[in-house]
PDB file of N, CA and C in Angstrom:
ATOM      1  N   MET A   1      26.867  34.885  78.824  1.00  0.00           N
ATOM      2  CA  MET A   1      26.836  36.234  79.267  1.00  0.00           C
ATOM      3  C   MET A   1      25.304  36.502  79.060  1.00  0.00           C
ATOM      4  N   LYS A   2      24.895  37.405  79.991  1.00  0.00           N
ATOM      5  CA  LYS A   2      23.579  37.633  79.990  1.00  0.00           C
ATOM      6  C   LYS A   2      23.313  38.964  79.326  1.00  0.00           C
ATOM      7  N   ASN A   3      22.223  38.938  78.391  1.00  0.00           N
ATOM      8  CA  ASN A   3      21.759  40.342  77.992  1.00  0.00           C
ATOM      9  C   ASN A   3      21.106  41.289  78.939  1.00  0.00           C
ATOM     10  N   GLU A   4      21.444  42.788  78.835  1.00  0.00           N
ATOM     11  CA  GLU A   4      20.866  43.627  79.877  1.00  0.00           C
ATOM     12  C   GLU A   4      20.419  44.429  78.732  1.00  0.00           C
ATOM     13  N   PHE A   5      19.064  45.400  79.363  1.00  0.00           N
ATOM     14  CA  PHE A   5      18.524  46.512  78.452  1.00  0.00           C
ATOM     15  C   PHE A   5      18.389  47.404  79.419  1.00  0.00           C
ATOM     16  N   TYR A   6      18.649  48.542  78.617  1.00  0.00           N
ATOM     17  CA  TYR A   6      18.513  50.019  79.661  1.00  0.00           C
ATOM     18  C   TYR A   6      17.689  50.912  78.544  1.00  0.00           C
ATOM     19  N   LYS A   7      17.472  51.945  79.500  1.00  0.00           N
ATOM     20  CA  LYS A   7      16.740  53.354  78.506  1.00  0.00           C
ATOM     21  C   LYS A   7      17.190  54.341  79.451  1.00  0.00           C
ATOM     22  N   SER A   8      17.264  55.423  78.482  1.00  0.00           N
ATOM     23  CA  SER A   8      17.843  56.721  79.225  1.00  0.00           C
ATOM     24  C   SER A   8      17.390  58.062  78.388  1.00  0.00           C
ATOM     25  N   GLU A   9      16.952  59.233  79.059  1.00  0.00           N
ATOM     26  CA  GLU A   9      16.556  59.957  78.209  1.00  0.00           C
ATOM     27  C   GLU A   9      17.339  60.791  77.356  1.00  0.00           C
ATOM     28  N   THR A  10      16.652  61.234  76.132  1.00  0.00           N
ATOM     29  CA  THR A  10      17.160  61.537  75.406  1.00  0.00           C
ATOM     30  C   THR A  10      16.603  63.046  74.506  1.00  0.00           C
ATOM     31  N   PHE A  11      17.261  63.736  73.948  1.00  0.00           N
ATOM     32  CA  PHE A  11      16.744  65.094  73.069  1.00  0.00           C
ATOM     33  C   PHE A  11      17.218  65.049  71.747  1.00  0.00           C
ATOM     34  N   SER A  12      15.937  65.327  70.919  1.00  0.00           N
ATOM     35  CA  SER A  12      16.439  65.657  69.350  1.00  0.00           C
ATOM     36  C   SER A  12      17.260  66.767  69.146  1.00  0.00           C
ATOM     37  N   ASP A  13      17.526  67.188  68.109  1.00  0.00           N
ATOM     38  CA  ASP A  13      18.292  68.351  67.551  1.00  0.00           C
ATOM     39  C   ASP A  13      17.533  69.535  67.890  1.00  0.00           C
ATOM     40  N   GLN A  14      16.238  69.258  67.658  1.00  0.00           N
ATOM     41  CA  GLN A  14      15.322  70.548  67.907  1.00  0.00           C
ATOM     42  C   GLN A  14      14.735  70.383  69.323  1.00  0.00           C
ATOM     43  N   ARG A  15      15.501  69.409  70.234  1.00  0.00           N
ATOM     44  CA  ARG A  15      15.227  69.814  71.752  1.00  0.00           C
ATOM     45  C   ARG A  15      13.825  69.357  71.908  1.00  0.00           C
ATOM     46  N   GLU A  16      13.469  68.074  71.359  1.00  0.00           N
ATOM     47  CA  GLU A  16      12.593  67.308  71.590  1.00  0.00           C
ATOM     48  C   GLU A  16      12.883  66.137  72.534  1.00  0.00           C
ATOM     49  N   TRP A  17      11.949  66.040  73.634  1.00  0.00           N
ATOM     50  CA  TRP A  17      12.493  65.086  74.681  1.00  0.00           C
ATOM     51  C   TRP A  17      11.936  63.358  74.260  1.00  0.00           C
ATOM     52  N   GLY A  18      12.732  62.820  74.827  1.00  0.00           N
ATOM     53  CA  GLY A  18      12.373  61.199  74.452  1.00  0.00           C
ATOM     54  C   GLY A  18      13.358  60.173  74.928  1.00  0.00           C
ATOM     55  N   TRP A  19      13.139  58.789  74.571  1.00  0.00           N
ATOM     56  CA  TRP A  19      13.865  57.666  75.307  1.00  0.00           C
ATOM     57  C   TRP A  19      15.301  57.247  74.513  1.00  0.00           C
ATOM     58  N   PHE A  20      15.996  56.793  74.643  1.00  0.00           N
ATOM     59  CA  PHE A  20      17.171  56.117  74.082  1.00  0.00           C
ATOM     60  C   PHE A  20      17.251  54.687  74.709  1.00  0.00           C
ATOM     61  N   TYR A  21      17.146  53.487  73.936  1.00  0.00           N
ATOM     62  CA  TYR A  21      16.936  52.077  74.488  1.00  0.00           C
ATOM     63  C   TYR A  21      18.424  51.671  74.122  1.00  0.00           C
ATOM     64  N   ILE A  22      18.834  50.973  75.045  1.00  0.00           N
ATOM     65  CA  ILE A  22      19.848  49.938  74.179  1.00  0.00           C
ATOM     66  C   ILE A  22      20.108  48.136  74.543  1.00  0.00           C
ATOM     67  N   GLU A  23      20.561  47.736  73.910  1.00  0.00           N
ATOM     68  CA  GLU A  23      20.712  46.177  74.362  1.00  0.00           C
ATOM     69  C   GLU A  23      22.296  46.073  74.570  1.00  0.00           C
ATOM     70  N   VAL A  24      22.777  45.411  75.566  1.00  0.00           N
ATOM     71  CA  VAL A  24      24.196  45.323  75.745  1.00  0.00           C
ATOM     72  C   VAL A  24      24.245  43.677  76.022  1.00  0.00           C
ATOM     73  N   ARG A  25      25.453  43.479  75.213  1.00  0.00           N
ATOM     74  CA  ARG A  25      25.885  41.753  75.320  1.00  0.00           C
ATOM     75  C   ARG A  25      27.543  42.133  75.710  1.00  0.00           C
ATOM     76  N   GLY A  26      27.747  41.498  76.883  1.00  0.00           N
ATOM     77  CA  GLY A  26      29.098  41.795  77.805  1.00  0.00           C
ATOM     78  C   GLY A  26      29.216  43.188  77.866  1.00  0.00           C
ATOM     79  N   GLN A  27      30.153  43.766  77.438  1.00  0.00           N
ATOM     80  CA  GLN A  27      30.645  45.128  77.355  1.00  0.00           C
ATOM     81  C   GLN A  27      30.777  45.995  76.150  1.00  0.00           C
ATOM     82  N   GLU A  28      29.417  45.418  75.143  1.00  0.00           N
ATOM     83  CA  GLU A  28      29.034  46.148  73.966  1.00  0.00           C
ATOM     84  C   GLU A  28      27.739  46.544  73.766  1.00  0.00           C
ATOM     85  N   ILE A  29      27.250  47.444  73.413  1.00  0.00           N
ATOM     86  CA  ILE A  29      26.013  47.871  72.752  1.00  0.00           C
ATOM     87  C   ILE A  29      25.751  47.157  71.669  1.00  0.00           C
ATOM     88  N   VAL A  30      24.624  46.387  71.652  1.00  0.00           N
ATOM     89  CA  VAL A  30      24.700  45.731  69.821  1.00  0.00           C
ATOM     90  C   VAL A  30      23.339  46.195  69.483  1.00  0.00           C
ATOM     91  N   ARG A  31      22.559  46.883  69.845  1.00  0.00           N
ATOM     92  CA  ARG A  31      21.117  47.411  69.122  1.00  0.00           C
ATOM     93  C   ARG A  31      20.839  48.864  69.814  1.00  0.00           C
ATOM     94  N   HIS A  32      20.227  49.447  69.406  1.00  0.00           N
ATOM     95  CA  HIS A  32      19.613  50.814  69.712  1.00  0.00           C
ATOM     96  C   HIS A  32      18.385  51.444  69.321  1.00  0.00           C
ATOM     97  N   VAL A  33      17.638  51.859  69.867  1.00  0.00           N
ATOM     98  CA  VAL A  33      16.350  52.577  69.276  1.00  0.00           C
ATOM     99  C   VAL A  33      16.334  53.807  70.216  1.00  0.00           C
ATOM    100  N   THR A  34      15.780  54.989  69.365  1.00  0.00           N
ATOM    101  CA  THR A  34      15.439  56.231  69.825  1.00  0.00           C
ATOM    102  C   THR A  34      14.196  56.134  69.541  1.00  0.00           C
ATOM    103  N   VAL A  35      13.235  57.217  70.099  1.00  0.00           N
ATOM    104  CA  VAL A  35      11.732  56.976  70.391  1.00  0.00           C
ATOM    105  C   VAL A  35      11.701  58.718  70.776  1.00  0.00           C
ATOM    106  N   ILE A  36      11.159  59.046  69.983  1.00  0.00           N
ATOM    107  CA  ILE A  36      10.954  61.017  70.267  1.00  0.00           C
ATOM    108  C   ILE A  36       9.868  61.236  69.516  1.00  0.00           C
ATOM    109  N   GLY A  37       8.835  61.290  70.456  1.00  0.00           N
ATOM    110  CA  GLY A  37       7.347  61.447  69.721  1.00  0.00           C
ATOM    111  C   GLY A  37       6.624  60.393  69.474  1.00  0.00           C
ATOM    112  N   ASP A  38       6.518  60.311  68.057  1.00  0.00           N
ATOM    113  CA  ASP A  38       5.696  58.905  67.399  1.00  0.00           C
ATOM    114  C   ASP A  38       6.717  58.584  66.217  1.00  0.00           C
ATOM    115  N   THR A  39       7.956  59.325  66.702  1.00  0.00           N
ATOM    116  CA  THR A  39       9.449  58.863  65.646  1.00  0.00           C
ATOM    117  C   THR A  39      10.299  57.868  66.099  1.00  0.00           C
ATOM    118  N   TYR A  40      10.407  56.461  65.652  1.00  0.00           N
ATOM    119  CA  TYR A  40      11.164  55.739  66.170  1.00  0.00           C
ATOM    120  C   TYR A  40      12.126  55.384  65.451  1.00  0.00           C
ATOM    121  N   ARG A  41      13.531  54.914  65.694  1.00  0.00           N
ATOM    122  CA  ARG A  41      14.687  54.968  64.769  1.00  0.00           C
ATOM    123  C   ARG A  41      15.498  53.672  65.510  1.00  0.00           C
ATOM    124  N   TRP A  42      15.992  52.484  64.660  1.00  0.00           N
ATOM    125  CA  TRP A  42      16.967  51.586  65.270  1.00  0.00           C
ATOM    126  C   TRP A  42      18.003  51.526  64.289  1.00  0.00           C
ATOM    127  N   ALA A  43      18.951  50.927  65.192  1.00  0.00           N
ATOM    128  CA  ALA A  43      20.193  50.762  64.239  1.00  0.00           C
ATOM    129  C   ALA A  43      20.988  49.374  65.249  1.00  0.00           C
ATOM    130  N   ASP A  44      21.701  48.553  64.648  1.00  0.00           N
ATOM    131  CA  ASP A  44      22.640  47.723  65.023  1.00  0.00           C
ATOM    132  C   ASP A  44      23.854  47.736  64.027  1.00  0.00           C
ATOM    133  N   TRP A  45      24.921  46.999  64.182  1.00  0.00           N
ATOM    134  CA  TRP A  45      25.967  47.263  63.584  1.00  0.00           C
ATOM    135  C   TRP A  45      26.116  46.860  61.968  1.00  0.00           C
ATOM    136  N   GLN A  46      24.860  46.527  61.178  1.00  0.00           N
ATOM    137  CA  GLN A  46      24.543  46.092  60.251  1.00  0.00           C
ATOM    138  C   GLN A  46      24.338  47.243  59.514  1.00  0.00           C
ATOM    139  N   GLY A  47      23.305  47.947  60.148  1.00  0.00           N
ATOM    140  CA  GLY A  47      22.221  48.911  59.273  1.00  0.00           C
ATOM    141  C   GLY A  47      21.407  49.807  60.584  1.00  0.00           C
ATOM    142  N   SER A  48      20.614  50.659  59.762  1.00  0.00           N
ATOM    143  CA  SER A  48      19.608  51.692  60.674  1.00  0.00           C
ATOM    144  C   SER A  48      18.624  51.790  59.964  1.00  0.00           C
ATOM    145  N   SER A  49      17.383  52.300  60.673  1.00  0.00           N
ATOM    146  CA  SER A  49      15.863  52.624  59.802  1.00  0.00           C
ATOM    147  C   SER A  49      16.345  53.933  58.731  1.00  0.00           C
ATOM    148  N   HIS A  50      17.436  54.811  59.065  1.00  0.00           N
ATOM    149  CA  HIS A  50      17.334  55.806  58.351  1.00  0.00           C
ATOM    150  C   HIS A  50      18.655  56.115  58.048  1.00  0.00           C
ATOM    151  N   ASP A  51      19.356  56.608  56.970  1.00  0.00           N
ATOM    152  CA  ASP A  51      20.524  57.096  56.451  1.00  0.00           C
ATOM    153  C   ASP A  51      21.070  57.892  57.748  1.00  0.00           C
ATOM    154  N   ASP A  52      20.264  58.841  58.173  1.00  0.00           N
ATOM    155  CA  ASP A  52      20.884  59.736  59.195  1.00  0.00           C
ATOM    156  C   ASP A  52      20.674  58.956  60.442  1.00  0.00           C
ATOM    157  N   TYR A  53      20.450  58.160  60.620  1.00  0.00           N
ATOM    158  CA  TYR A  53      20.309  57.576  62.075  1.00  0.00           C
ATOM    159  C   TYR A  53      21.459  56.307  62.000  1.00  0.00           C
ATOM    160  N   MET A  54      22.828  56.649  62.731  1.00  0.00           N
ATOM    161  CA  MET A  54      23.463  55.411  62.500  1.00  0.00           C
ATOM    162  C   MET A  54      24.034  54.634  63.911  1.00  0.00           C
ATOM    163  N   PHE A  55      24.601  53.722  63.831  1.00  0.00           N
ATOM    164  CA  PHE A  55      25.146  53.149  64.831  1.00  0.00           C
ATOM    165  C   PHE A  55      25.941  53.366  66.171  1.00  0.00           C
ATOM    166  N   THR A  56      25.835  53.455  67.413  1.00  0.00           N
ATOM    167  CA  THR A  56      26.586  54.104  68.167  1.00  0.00           C
ATOM    168  C   THR A  56      28.012  54.162  67.600  1.00  0.00           C
ATOM    169  N   GLU A  57      28.949  55.232  67.974  1.00  0.00           N
ATOM    170  CA  GLU A  57      30.242  55.344  67.652  1.00  0.00           C
ATOM    171  C   GLU A  57      31.163  54.772  68.670  1.00  0.00           C
ATOM    172  N   ALA A  58      30.333  54.700  69.594  1.00  0.00           N
ATOM    173  CA  ALA A  58      31.174  54.039  70.879  1.00  0.00           C
ATOM    174  C   ALA A  58      30.429  52.895  71.417  1.00  0.00           C
ATOM    175  N   PRO A  59      30.765  51.894  71.175  1.00  0.00           N
ATOM    176  CA  PRO A  59      29.736  50.645  71.659  1.00  0.00           C
ATOM    177  C   PRO A  59      30.107  50.025  72.765  1.00  0.00           C
ATOM    178  N   GLU A  60      31.192  50.429  73.130  1.00  0.00           N
ATOM    179  CA  GLU A  60      31.789  50.133  74.575  1.00  0.00           C
ATOM    180  C   GLU A  60      30.546  50.304  75.490  1.00  0.00           C
ATOM    181  N   PHE A  61      30.676  49.331  76.892  1.00  0.00           N
ATOM    182  CA  PHE A  61      29.730  49.815  77.869  1.00  0.00           C
ATOM    183  C   PHE A  61      30.326  48.974  79.112  1.00  0.00           C
ATOM    184  N   GLU A  62      30.630  49.508  80.027  1.00  0.00           N
ATOM    185  CA  GLU A  62      31.034  49.105  81.129  1.00  0.00           C
ATOM    186  C   GLU A  62      30.231  48.918  82.335  1.00  0.00           C
ATOM    187  N   ALA A  63      29.198  49.739  82.461  1.00  0.00           N
ATOM    188  CA  ALA A  63      28.487  49.609  83.230  1.00  0.00           C
ATOM    189  C   ALA A  63      27.275  50.693  83.514  1.00  0.00           C
ATOM    190  N   PRO A  64      26.250  50.523  83.890  1.00  0.00           N
ATOM    191  CA  PRO A  64      24.998  51.589  83.555  1.00  0.00           C
ATOM    192  C   PRO A  64      25.639  52.731  84.403  1.00  0.00           C
ATOM    193  N   VAL A  65      25.188  54.011  83.803  1.00  0.00           N
ATOM    194  CA  VAL A  65      25.317  55.212  84.891  1.00  0.00           C
ATOM    195  C   VAL A  65      23.942  55.353  85.353  1.00  0.00           C
ATOM    196  N   GLU A  66      24.107  56.373  86.080  1.00  0.00           N
ATOM    197  CA  GLU A  66      22.697  56.752  87.235  1.00  0.00           C
ATOM    198  C   GLU A  66      21.349  56.900  86.104  1.00  0.00           C
ATOM    199  N   GLU A  67      21.498  57.677  84.944  1.00  0.00           N
ATOM    200  CA  GLU A  67      20.968  57.921  84.121  1.00  0.00           C
ATOM    201  C   GLU A  67      20.269  56.819  83.329  1.00  0.00           C
ATOM    202  N   GLU A  68      20.911  55.686  83.408  1.00  0.00           N
ATOM    203  CA  GLU A  68      20.499  54.691  82.427  1.00  0.00           C
ATOM    204  C   GLU A  68      19.628  53.328  83.239  1.00  0.00           C
ATOM    205  N   LYS A  69      18.336  53.529  83.124  1.00  0.00           N
ATOM    206  CA  LYS A  69      17.266  52.693  83.907  1.00  0.00           C
ATOM    207  C   LYS A  69      17.388  51.478  83.280  1.00  0.00           C
ATOM    208  N   PRO A  70      17.585  50.024  84.237  1.00  0.00           N
ATOM    209  CA  PRO A  70      17.008  48.617  83.342  1.00  0.00           C
ATOM    210  C   PRO A  70      15.570  48.713  82.986  1.00  0.00           C
ATOM    211  N   VAL A  71      15.469  47.813  81.727  1.00  0.00           N
ATOM    212  CA  VAL A  71      14.206  47.652  81.335  1.00  0.00           C
ATOM    213  C   VAL A  71      14.184  46.299  81.165  1.00  0.00           C
ATOM    214  N   THR A  72      13.149  45.143  80.951  1.00  0.00           N
ATOM    215  CA  THR A  72      13.052  44.001  80.621  1.00  0.00           C
ATOM    216  C   THR A  72      13.137  43.865  78.845  1.00  0.00           C
ATOM    217  N   LYS A  73      13.750  42.584  78.935  1.00  0.00           N
ATOM    218  CA  LYS A  73      13.932  42.320  77.303  1.00  0.00           C
ATOM    219  C   LYS A  73      12.211  42.543  76.521  1.00  0.00           C
ATOM    220  N   GLU A  74      11.278  41.957  77.190  1.00  0.00           N
ATOM    221  CA  GLU A  74      10.382  42.136  76.505  1.00  0.00           C
ATOM    222  C   GLU A  74      10.006  43.769  76.203  1.00  0.00           C
ATOM    223  N   GLU A  75      10.175  44.813  77.156  1.00  0.00           N
ATOM    224  CA  GLU A  75       9.909  45.986  76.920  1.00  0.00           C
ATOM    225  C   GLU A  75      11.011  46.530  75.751  1.00  0.00           C
ATOM    226  N   PHE A  76      12.181  46.269  75.686  1.00  0.00           N
ATOM    227  CA  PHE A  76      12.948  46.486  74.712  1.00  0.00           C
ATOM    228  C   PHE A  76      12.582  46.067  73.108  1.00  0.00           C
ATOM    229  N   GLU A  77      12.472  44.714  73.392  1.00  0.00           N
ATOM    230  CA  GLU A  77      11.698  44.132  72.214  1.00  0.00           C
ATOM    231  C   GLU A  77      10.789  44.525  71.400  1.00  0.00           C
ATOM    232  N   SER A  78       9.537  44.776  72.331  1.00  0.00           N
ATOM    233  CA  SER A  78       8.598  45.752  71.873  1.00  0.00           C
ATOM    234  C   SER A  78       9.103  46.839  71.181  1.00  0.00           C
ATOM    235  N   ILE A  79       9.633  47.680  71.824  1.00  0.00           N
ATOM    236  CA  ILE A  79      10.120  48.951  71.003  1.00  0.00           C
ATOM    237  C   ILE A  79      11.115  49.035  69.712  1.00  0.00           C
ATOM    238  N   TRP A  80      11.747  47.992  70.088  1.00  0.00           N
ATOM    239  CA  TRP A  80      12.660  47.576  68.574  1.00  0.00           C
ATOM    240  C   TRP A  80      11.560  47.044  67.566  1.00  0.00           C
ATOM    241  N   ALA A  81      10.640  46.230  67.627  1.00  0.00           N
ATOM    242  CA  ALA A  81       9.603  45.859  66.773  1.00  0.00           C
ATOM    243  C   ALA A  81       8.656  47.075  66.159  1.00  0.00           C
ATOM    244  N   LYS A  82       8.448  48.023  67.071  1.00  0.00           N
ATOM    245  CA  LYS A  82       7.651  49.038  66.663  1.00  0.00           C
ATOM    246  C   LYS A  82       8.305  49.905  65.995  1.00  0.00           C
ATOM    247  N   ALA A  83       9.767  49.948  66.055  1.00  0.00           N
ATOM    248  CA  ALA A  83      10.880  50.676  65.369  1.00  0.00           C
ATOM    249  C   ALA A  83      11.213  50.109  63.795  1.00  0.00           C
ATOM    250  N   GLY A  84      10.687  49.009  64.145  1.00  0.00           N
ATOM    251  CA  GLY A  84      10.954  48.066  62.418  1.00  0.00           C
ATOM    252  C   GLY A  84      12.336  47.959  62.384  1.00  0.00           C
ATOM    253  N   GLY A  85      12.958  47.020  63.550  1.00  0.00           N
ATOM    254  CA  GLY A  85      14.155  46.309  63.420  1.00  0.00           C
ATOM    255  C   GLY A  85      14.166  44.940  62.921  1.00  0.00           C
ATOM    256  N   PRO A  86      15.052  44.575  62.336  1.00  0.00           N
ATOM    257  CA  PRO A  86      15.182  42.911  61.916  1.00  0.00           C
ATOM    258  C   PRO A  86      14.550  42.035  63.252  1.00  0.00           C
ATOM    259  N   LYS A  87      13.858  41.362  62.665  1.00  0.00           N
ATOM    260  CA  LYS A  87      13.277  40.316  63.481  1.00  0.00           C
ATOM    261  C   LYS A  87      14.158  39.509  64.067  1.00  0.00           C
ATOM    262  N   GLU A  88      15.109  39.155  63.542  1.00  0.00           N
ATOM    263  CA  GLU A  88      16.079  38.020  63.978  1.00  0.00           C
ATOM    264  C   GLU A  88      17.551  38.710  64.496  1.00  0.00           C
ATOM    265  N   PHE A  89      17.999  38.658  65.464  1.00  0.00           N
ATOM    266  CA  PHE A  89      19.373  39.219  65.723  1.00  0.00           C
ATOM    267  C   PHE A  89      20.582  39.018  64.572  1.00  0.00           C
ATOM    268  N   ARG A  90      21.106  40.003  64.463  1.00  0.00           N
ATOM    269  CA  ARG A  90      22.469  40.169  63.321  1.00  0.00           C
ATOM    270  C   ARG A  90      23.577  39.812  64.337  1.00  0.00           C
ATOM    271  N   GLU A  91      24.353  39.016  64.212  1.00  0.00           N
ATOM    272  CA  GLU A  91      25.745  38.932  65.005  1.00  0.00           C
ATOM    273  C   GLU A  91      26.482  39.973  64.500  1.00  0.00           C
ATOM    274  N   GLY A  92      27.373  40.350  65.290  1.00  0.00           N
ATOM    275  CA  GLY A  92      28.291  41.276  64.658  1.00  0.00           C
ATOM    276  C   GLY A  92      29.515  40.654  63.895  1.00  0.00           C
ATOM    277  N   PRO A  93      30.304  41.601  63.815  1.00  0.00           N
ATOM    278  CA  PRO A  93      31.623  41.286  62.753  1.00  0.00           C
ATOM    279  C   PRO A  93      32.517  40.097  63.675  1.00  0.00           C
ATOM    280  N   PRO A  94      33.143  39.056  63.060  1.00  0.00           N
ATOM    281  CA  PRO A  94      34.121  38.373  63.504  1.00  0.00           C
ATOM    282  C   PRO A  94      34.788  38.535  64.882  1.00  0.00           C
ATOM    283  N   GLY A  95      34.896  38.465  66.155  1.00  0.00           N
ATOM    284  CA  GLY A  95      35.654  38.822  67.064  1.00  0.00           C
ATOM    285  C   GLY A  95      34.562  40.021  67.736  1.00  0.00           C
ATOM    286  N   CYS A  96      33.715  40.618  67.498  1.00  0.00           N
ATOM    287  CA  CYS A  96      32.986  41.586  68.035  1.00  0.00           C
ATOM    288  C   CYS A  96      32.312  40.923  69.231  1.00  0.00           C
ATOM    289  N   PHE A  97      31.663  39.989  69.197  1.00  0.00           N
ATOM    290  CA  PHE A  97      30.779  39.501  70.576  1.00  0.00           C
ATOM    291  C   PHE A  97      31.561  38.305  70.884  1.00  0.00           C
ATOM    292  N   ASP A  98      31.436  38.070  72.344  1.00  0.00           N
ATOM    293  CA  ASP A  98      32.007  37.096  72.764  1.00  0.00           C
ATOM    294  C   ASP A  98      31.011  36.022  73.307  1.00  0.00           C
ATOM    295  N   ARG A  99      30.036  35.816  72.491  1.00  0.00           N
ATOM    296  CA  ARG A  99      29.086  34.897  72.713  1.00  0.00           C
ATOM    297  C   ARG A  99      27.893  34.830  71.652  1.00  0.00           C
ATOM    298  N   ALA A 100      26.989  34.106  71.574  1.00  0.00           N
ATOM    299  CA  ALA A 100      26.331  33.681  70.713  1.00  0.00           C
ATOM    300  C   ALA A 100      24.991  34.162  71.350  1.00  0.00           C
ATOM    301  N   PRO A 101      24.001  34.654  70.475  1.00  0.00           N
ATOM    302  CA  PRO A 101      22.633  35.598  71.031  1.00  0.00           C
ATOM    303  C   PRO A 101      21.861  34.247  72.108  1.00  0.00           C
TER     304      PRO A 101
END
């Protein structure tokens, strides 16, 4: 299975504009990052950068919608690193993903 990467516009509670980046494996979101201004927040199934920034409650991903634009793996990894996400991929719980990274 091939990893896919997307970004879409997002807004903070204070109505500040930013980007929401996701990594998809199969039909599941496995990592995501929100960038609003100079603030970066990352999350995966095992943890997140802040207590108030949780992993998505809906990790299922069937197909991108019009608002979700493809990005390269390099762009996603750069944003992930800038957010301070774990350097190595952390596999999901047993049965969560169909394939190894």
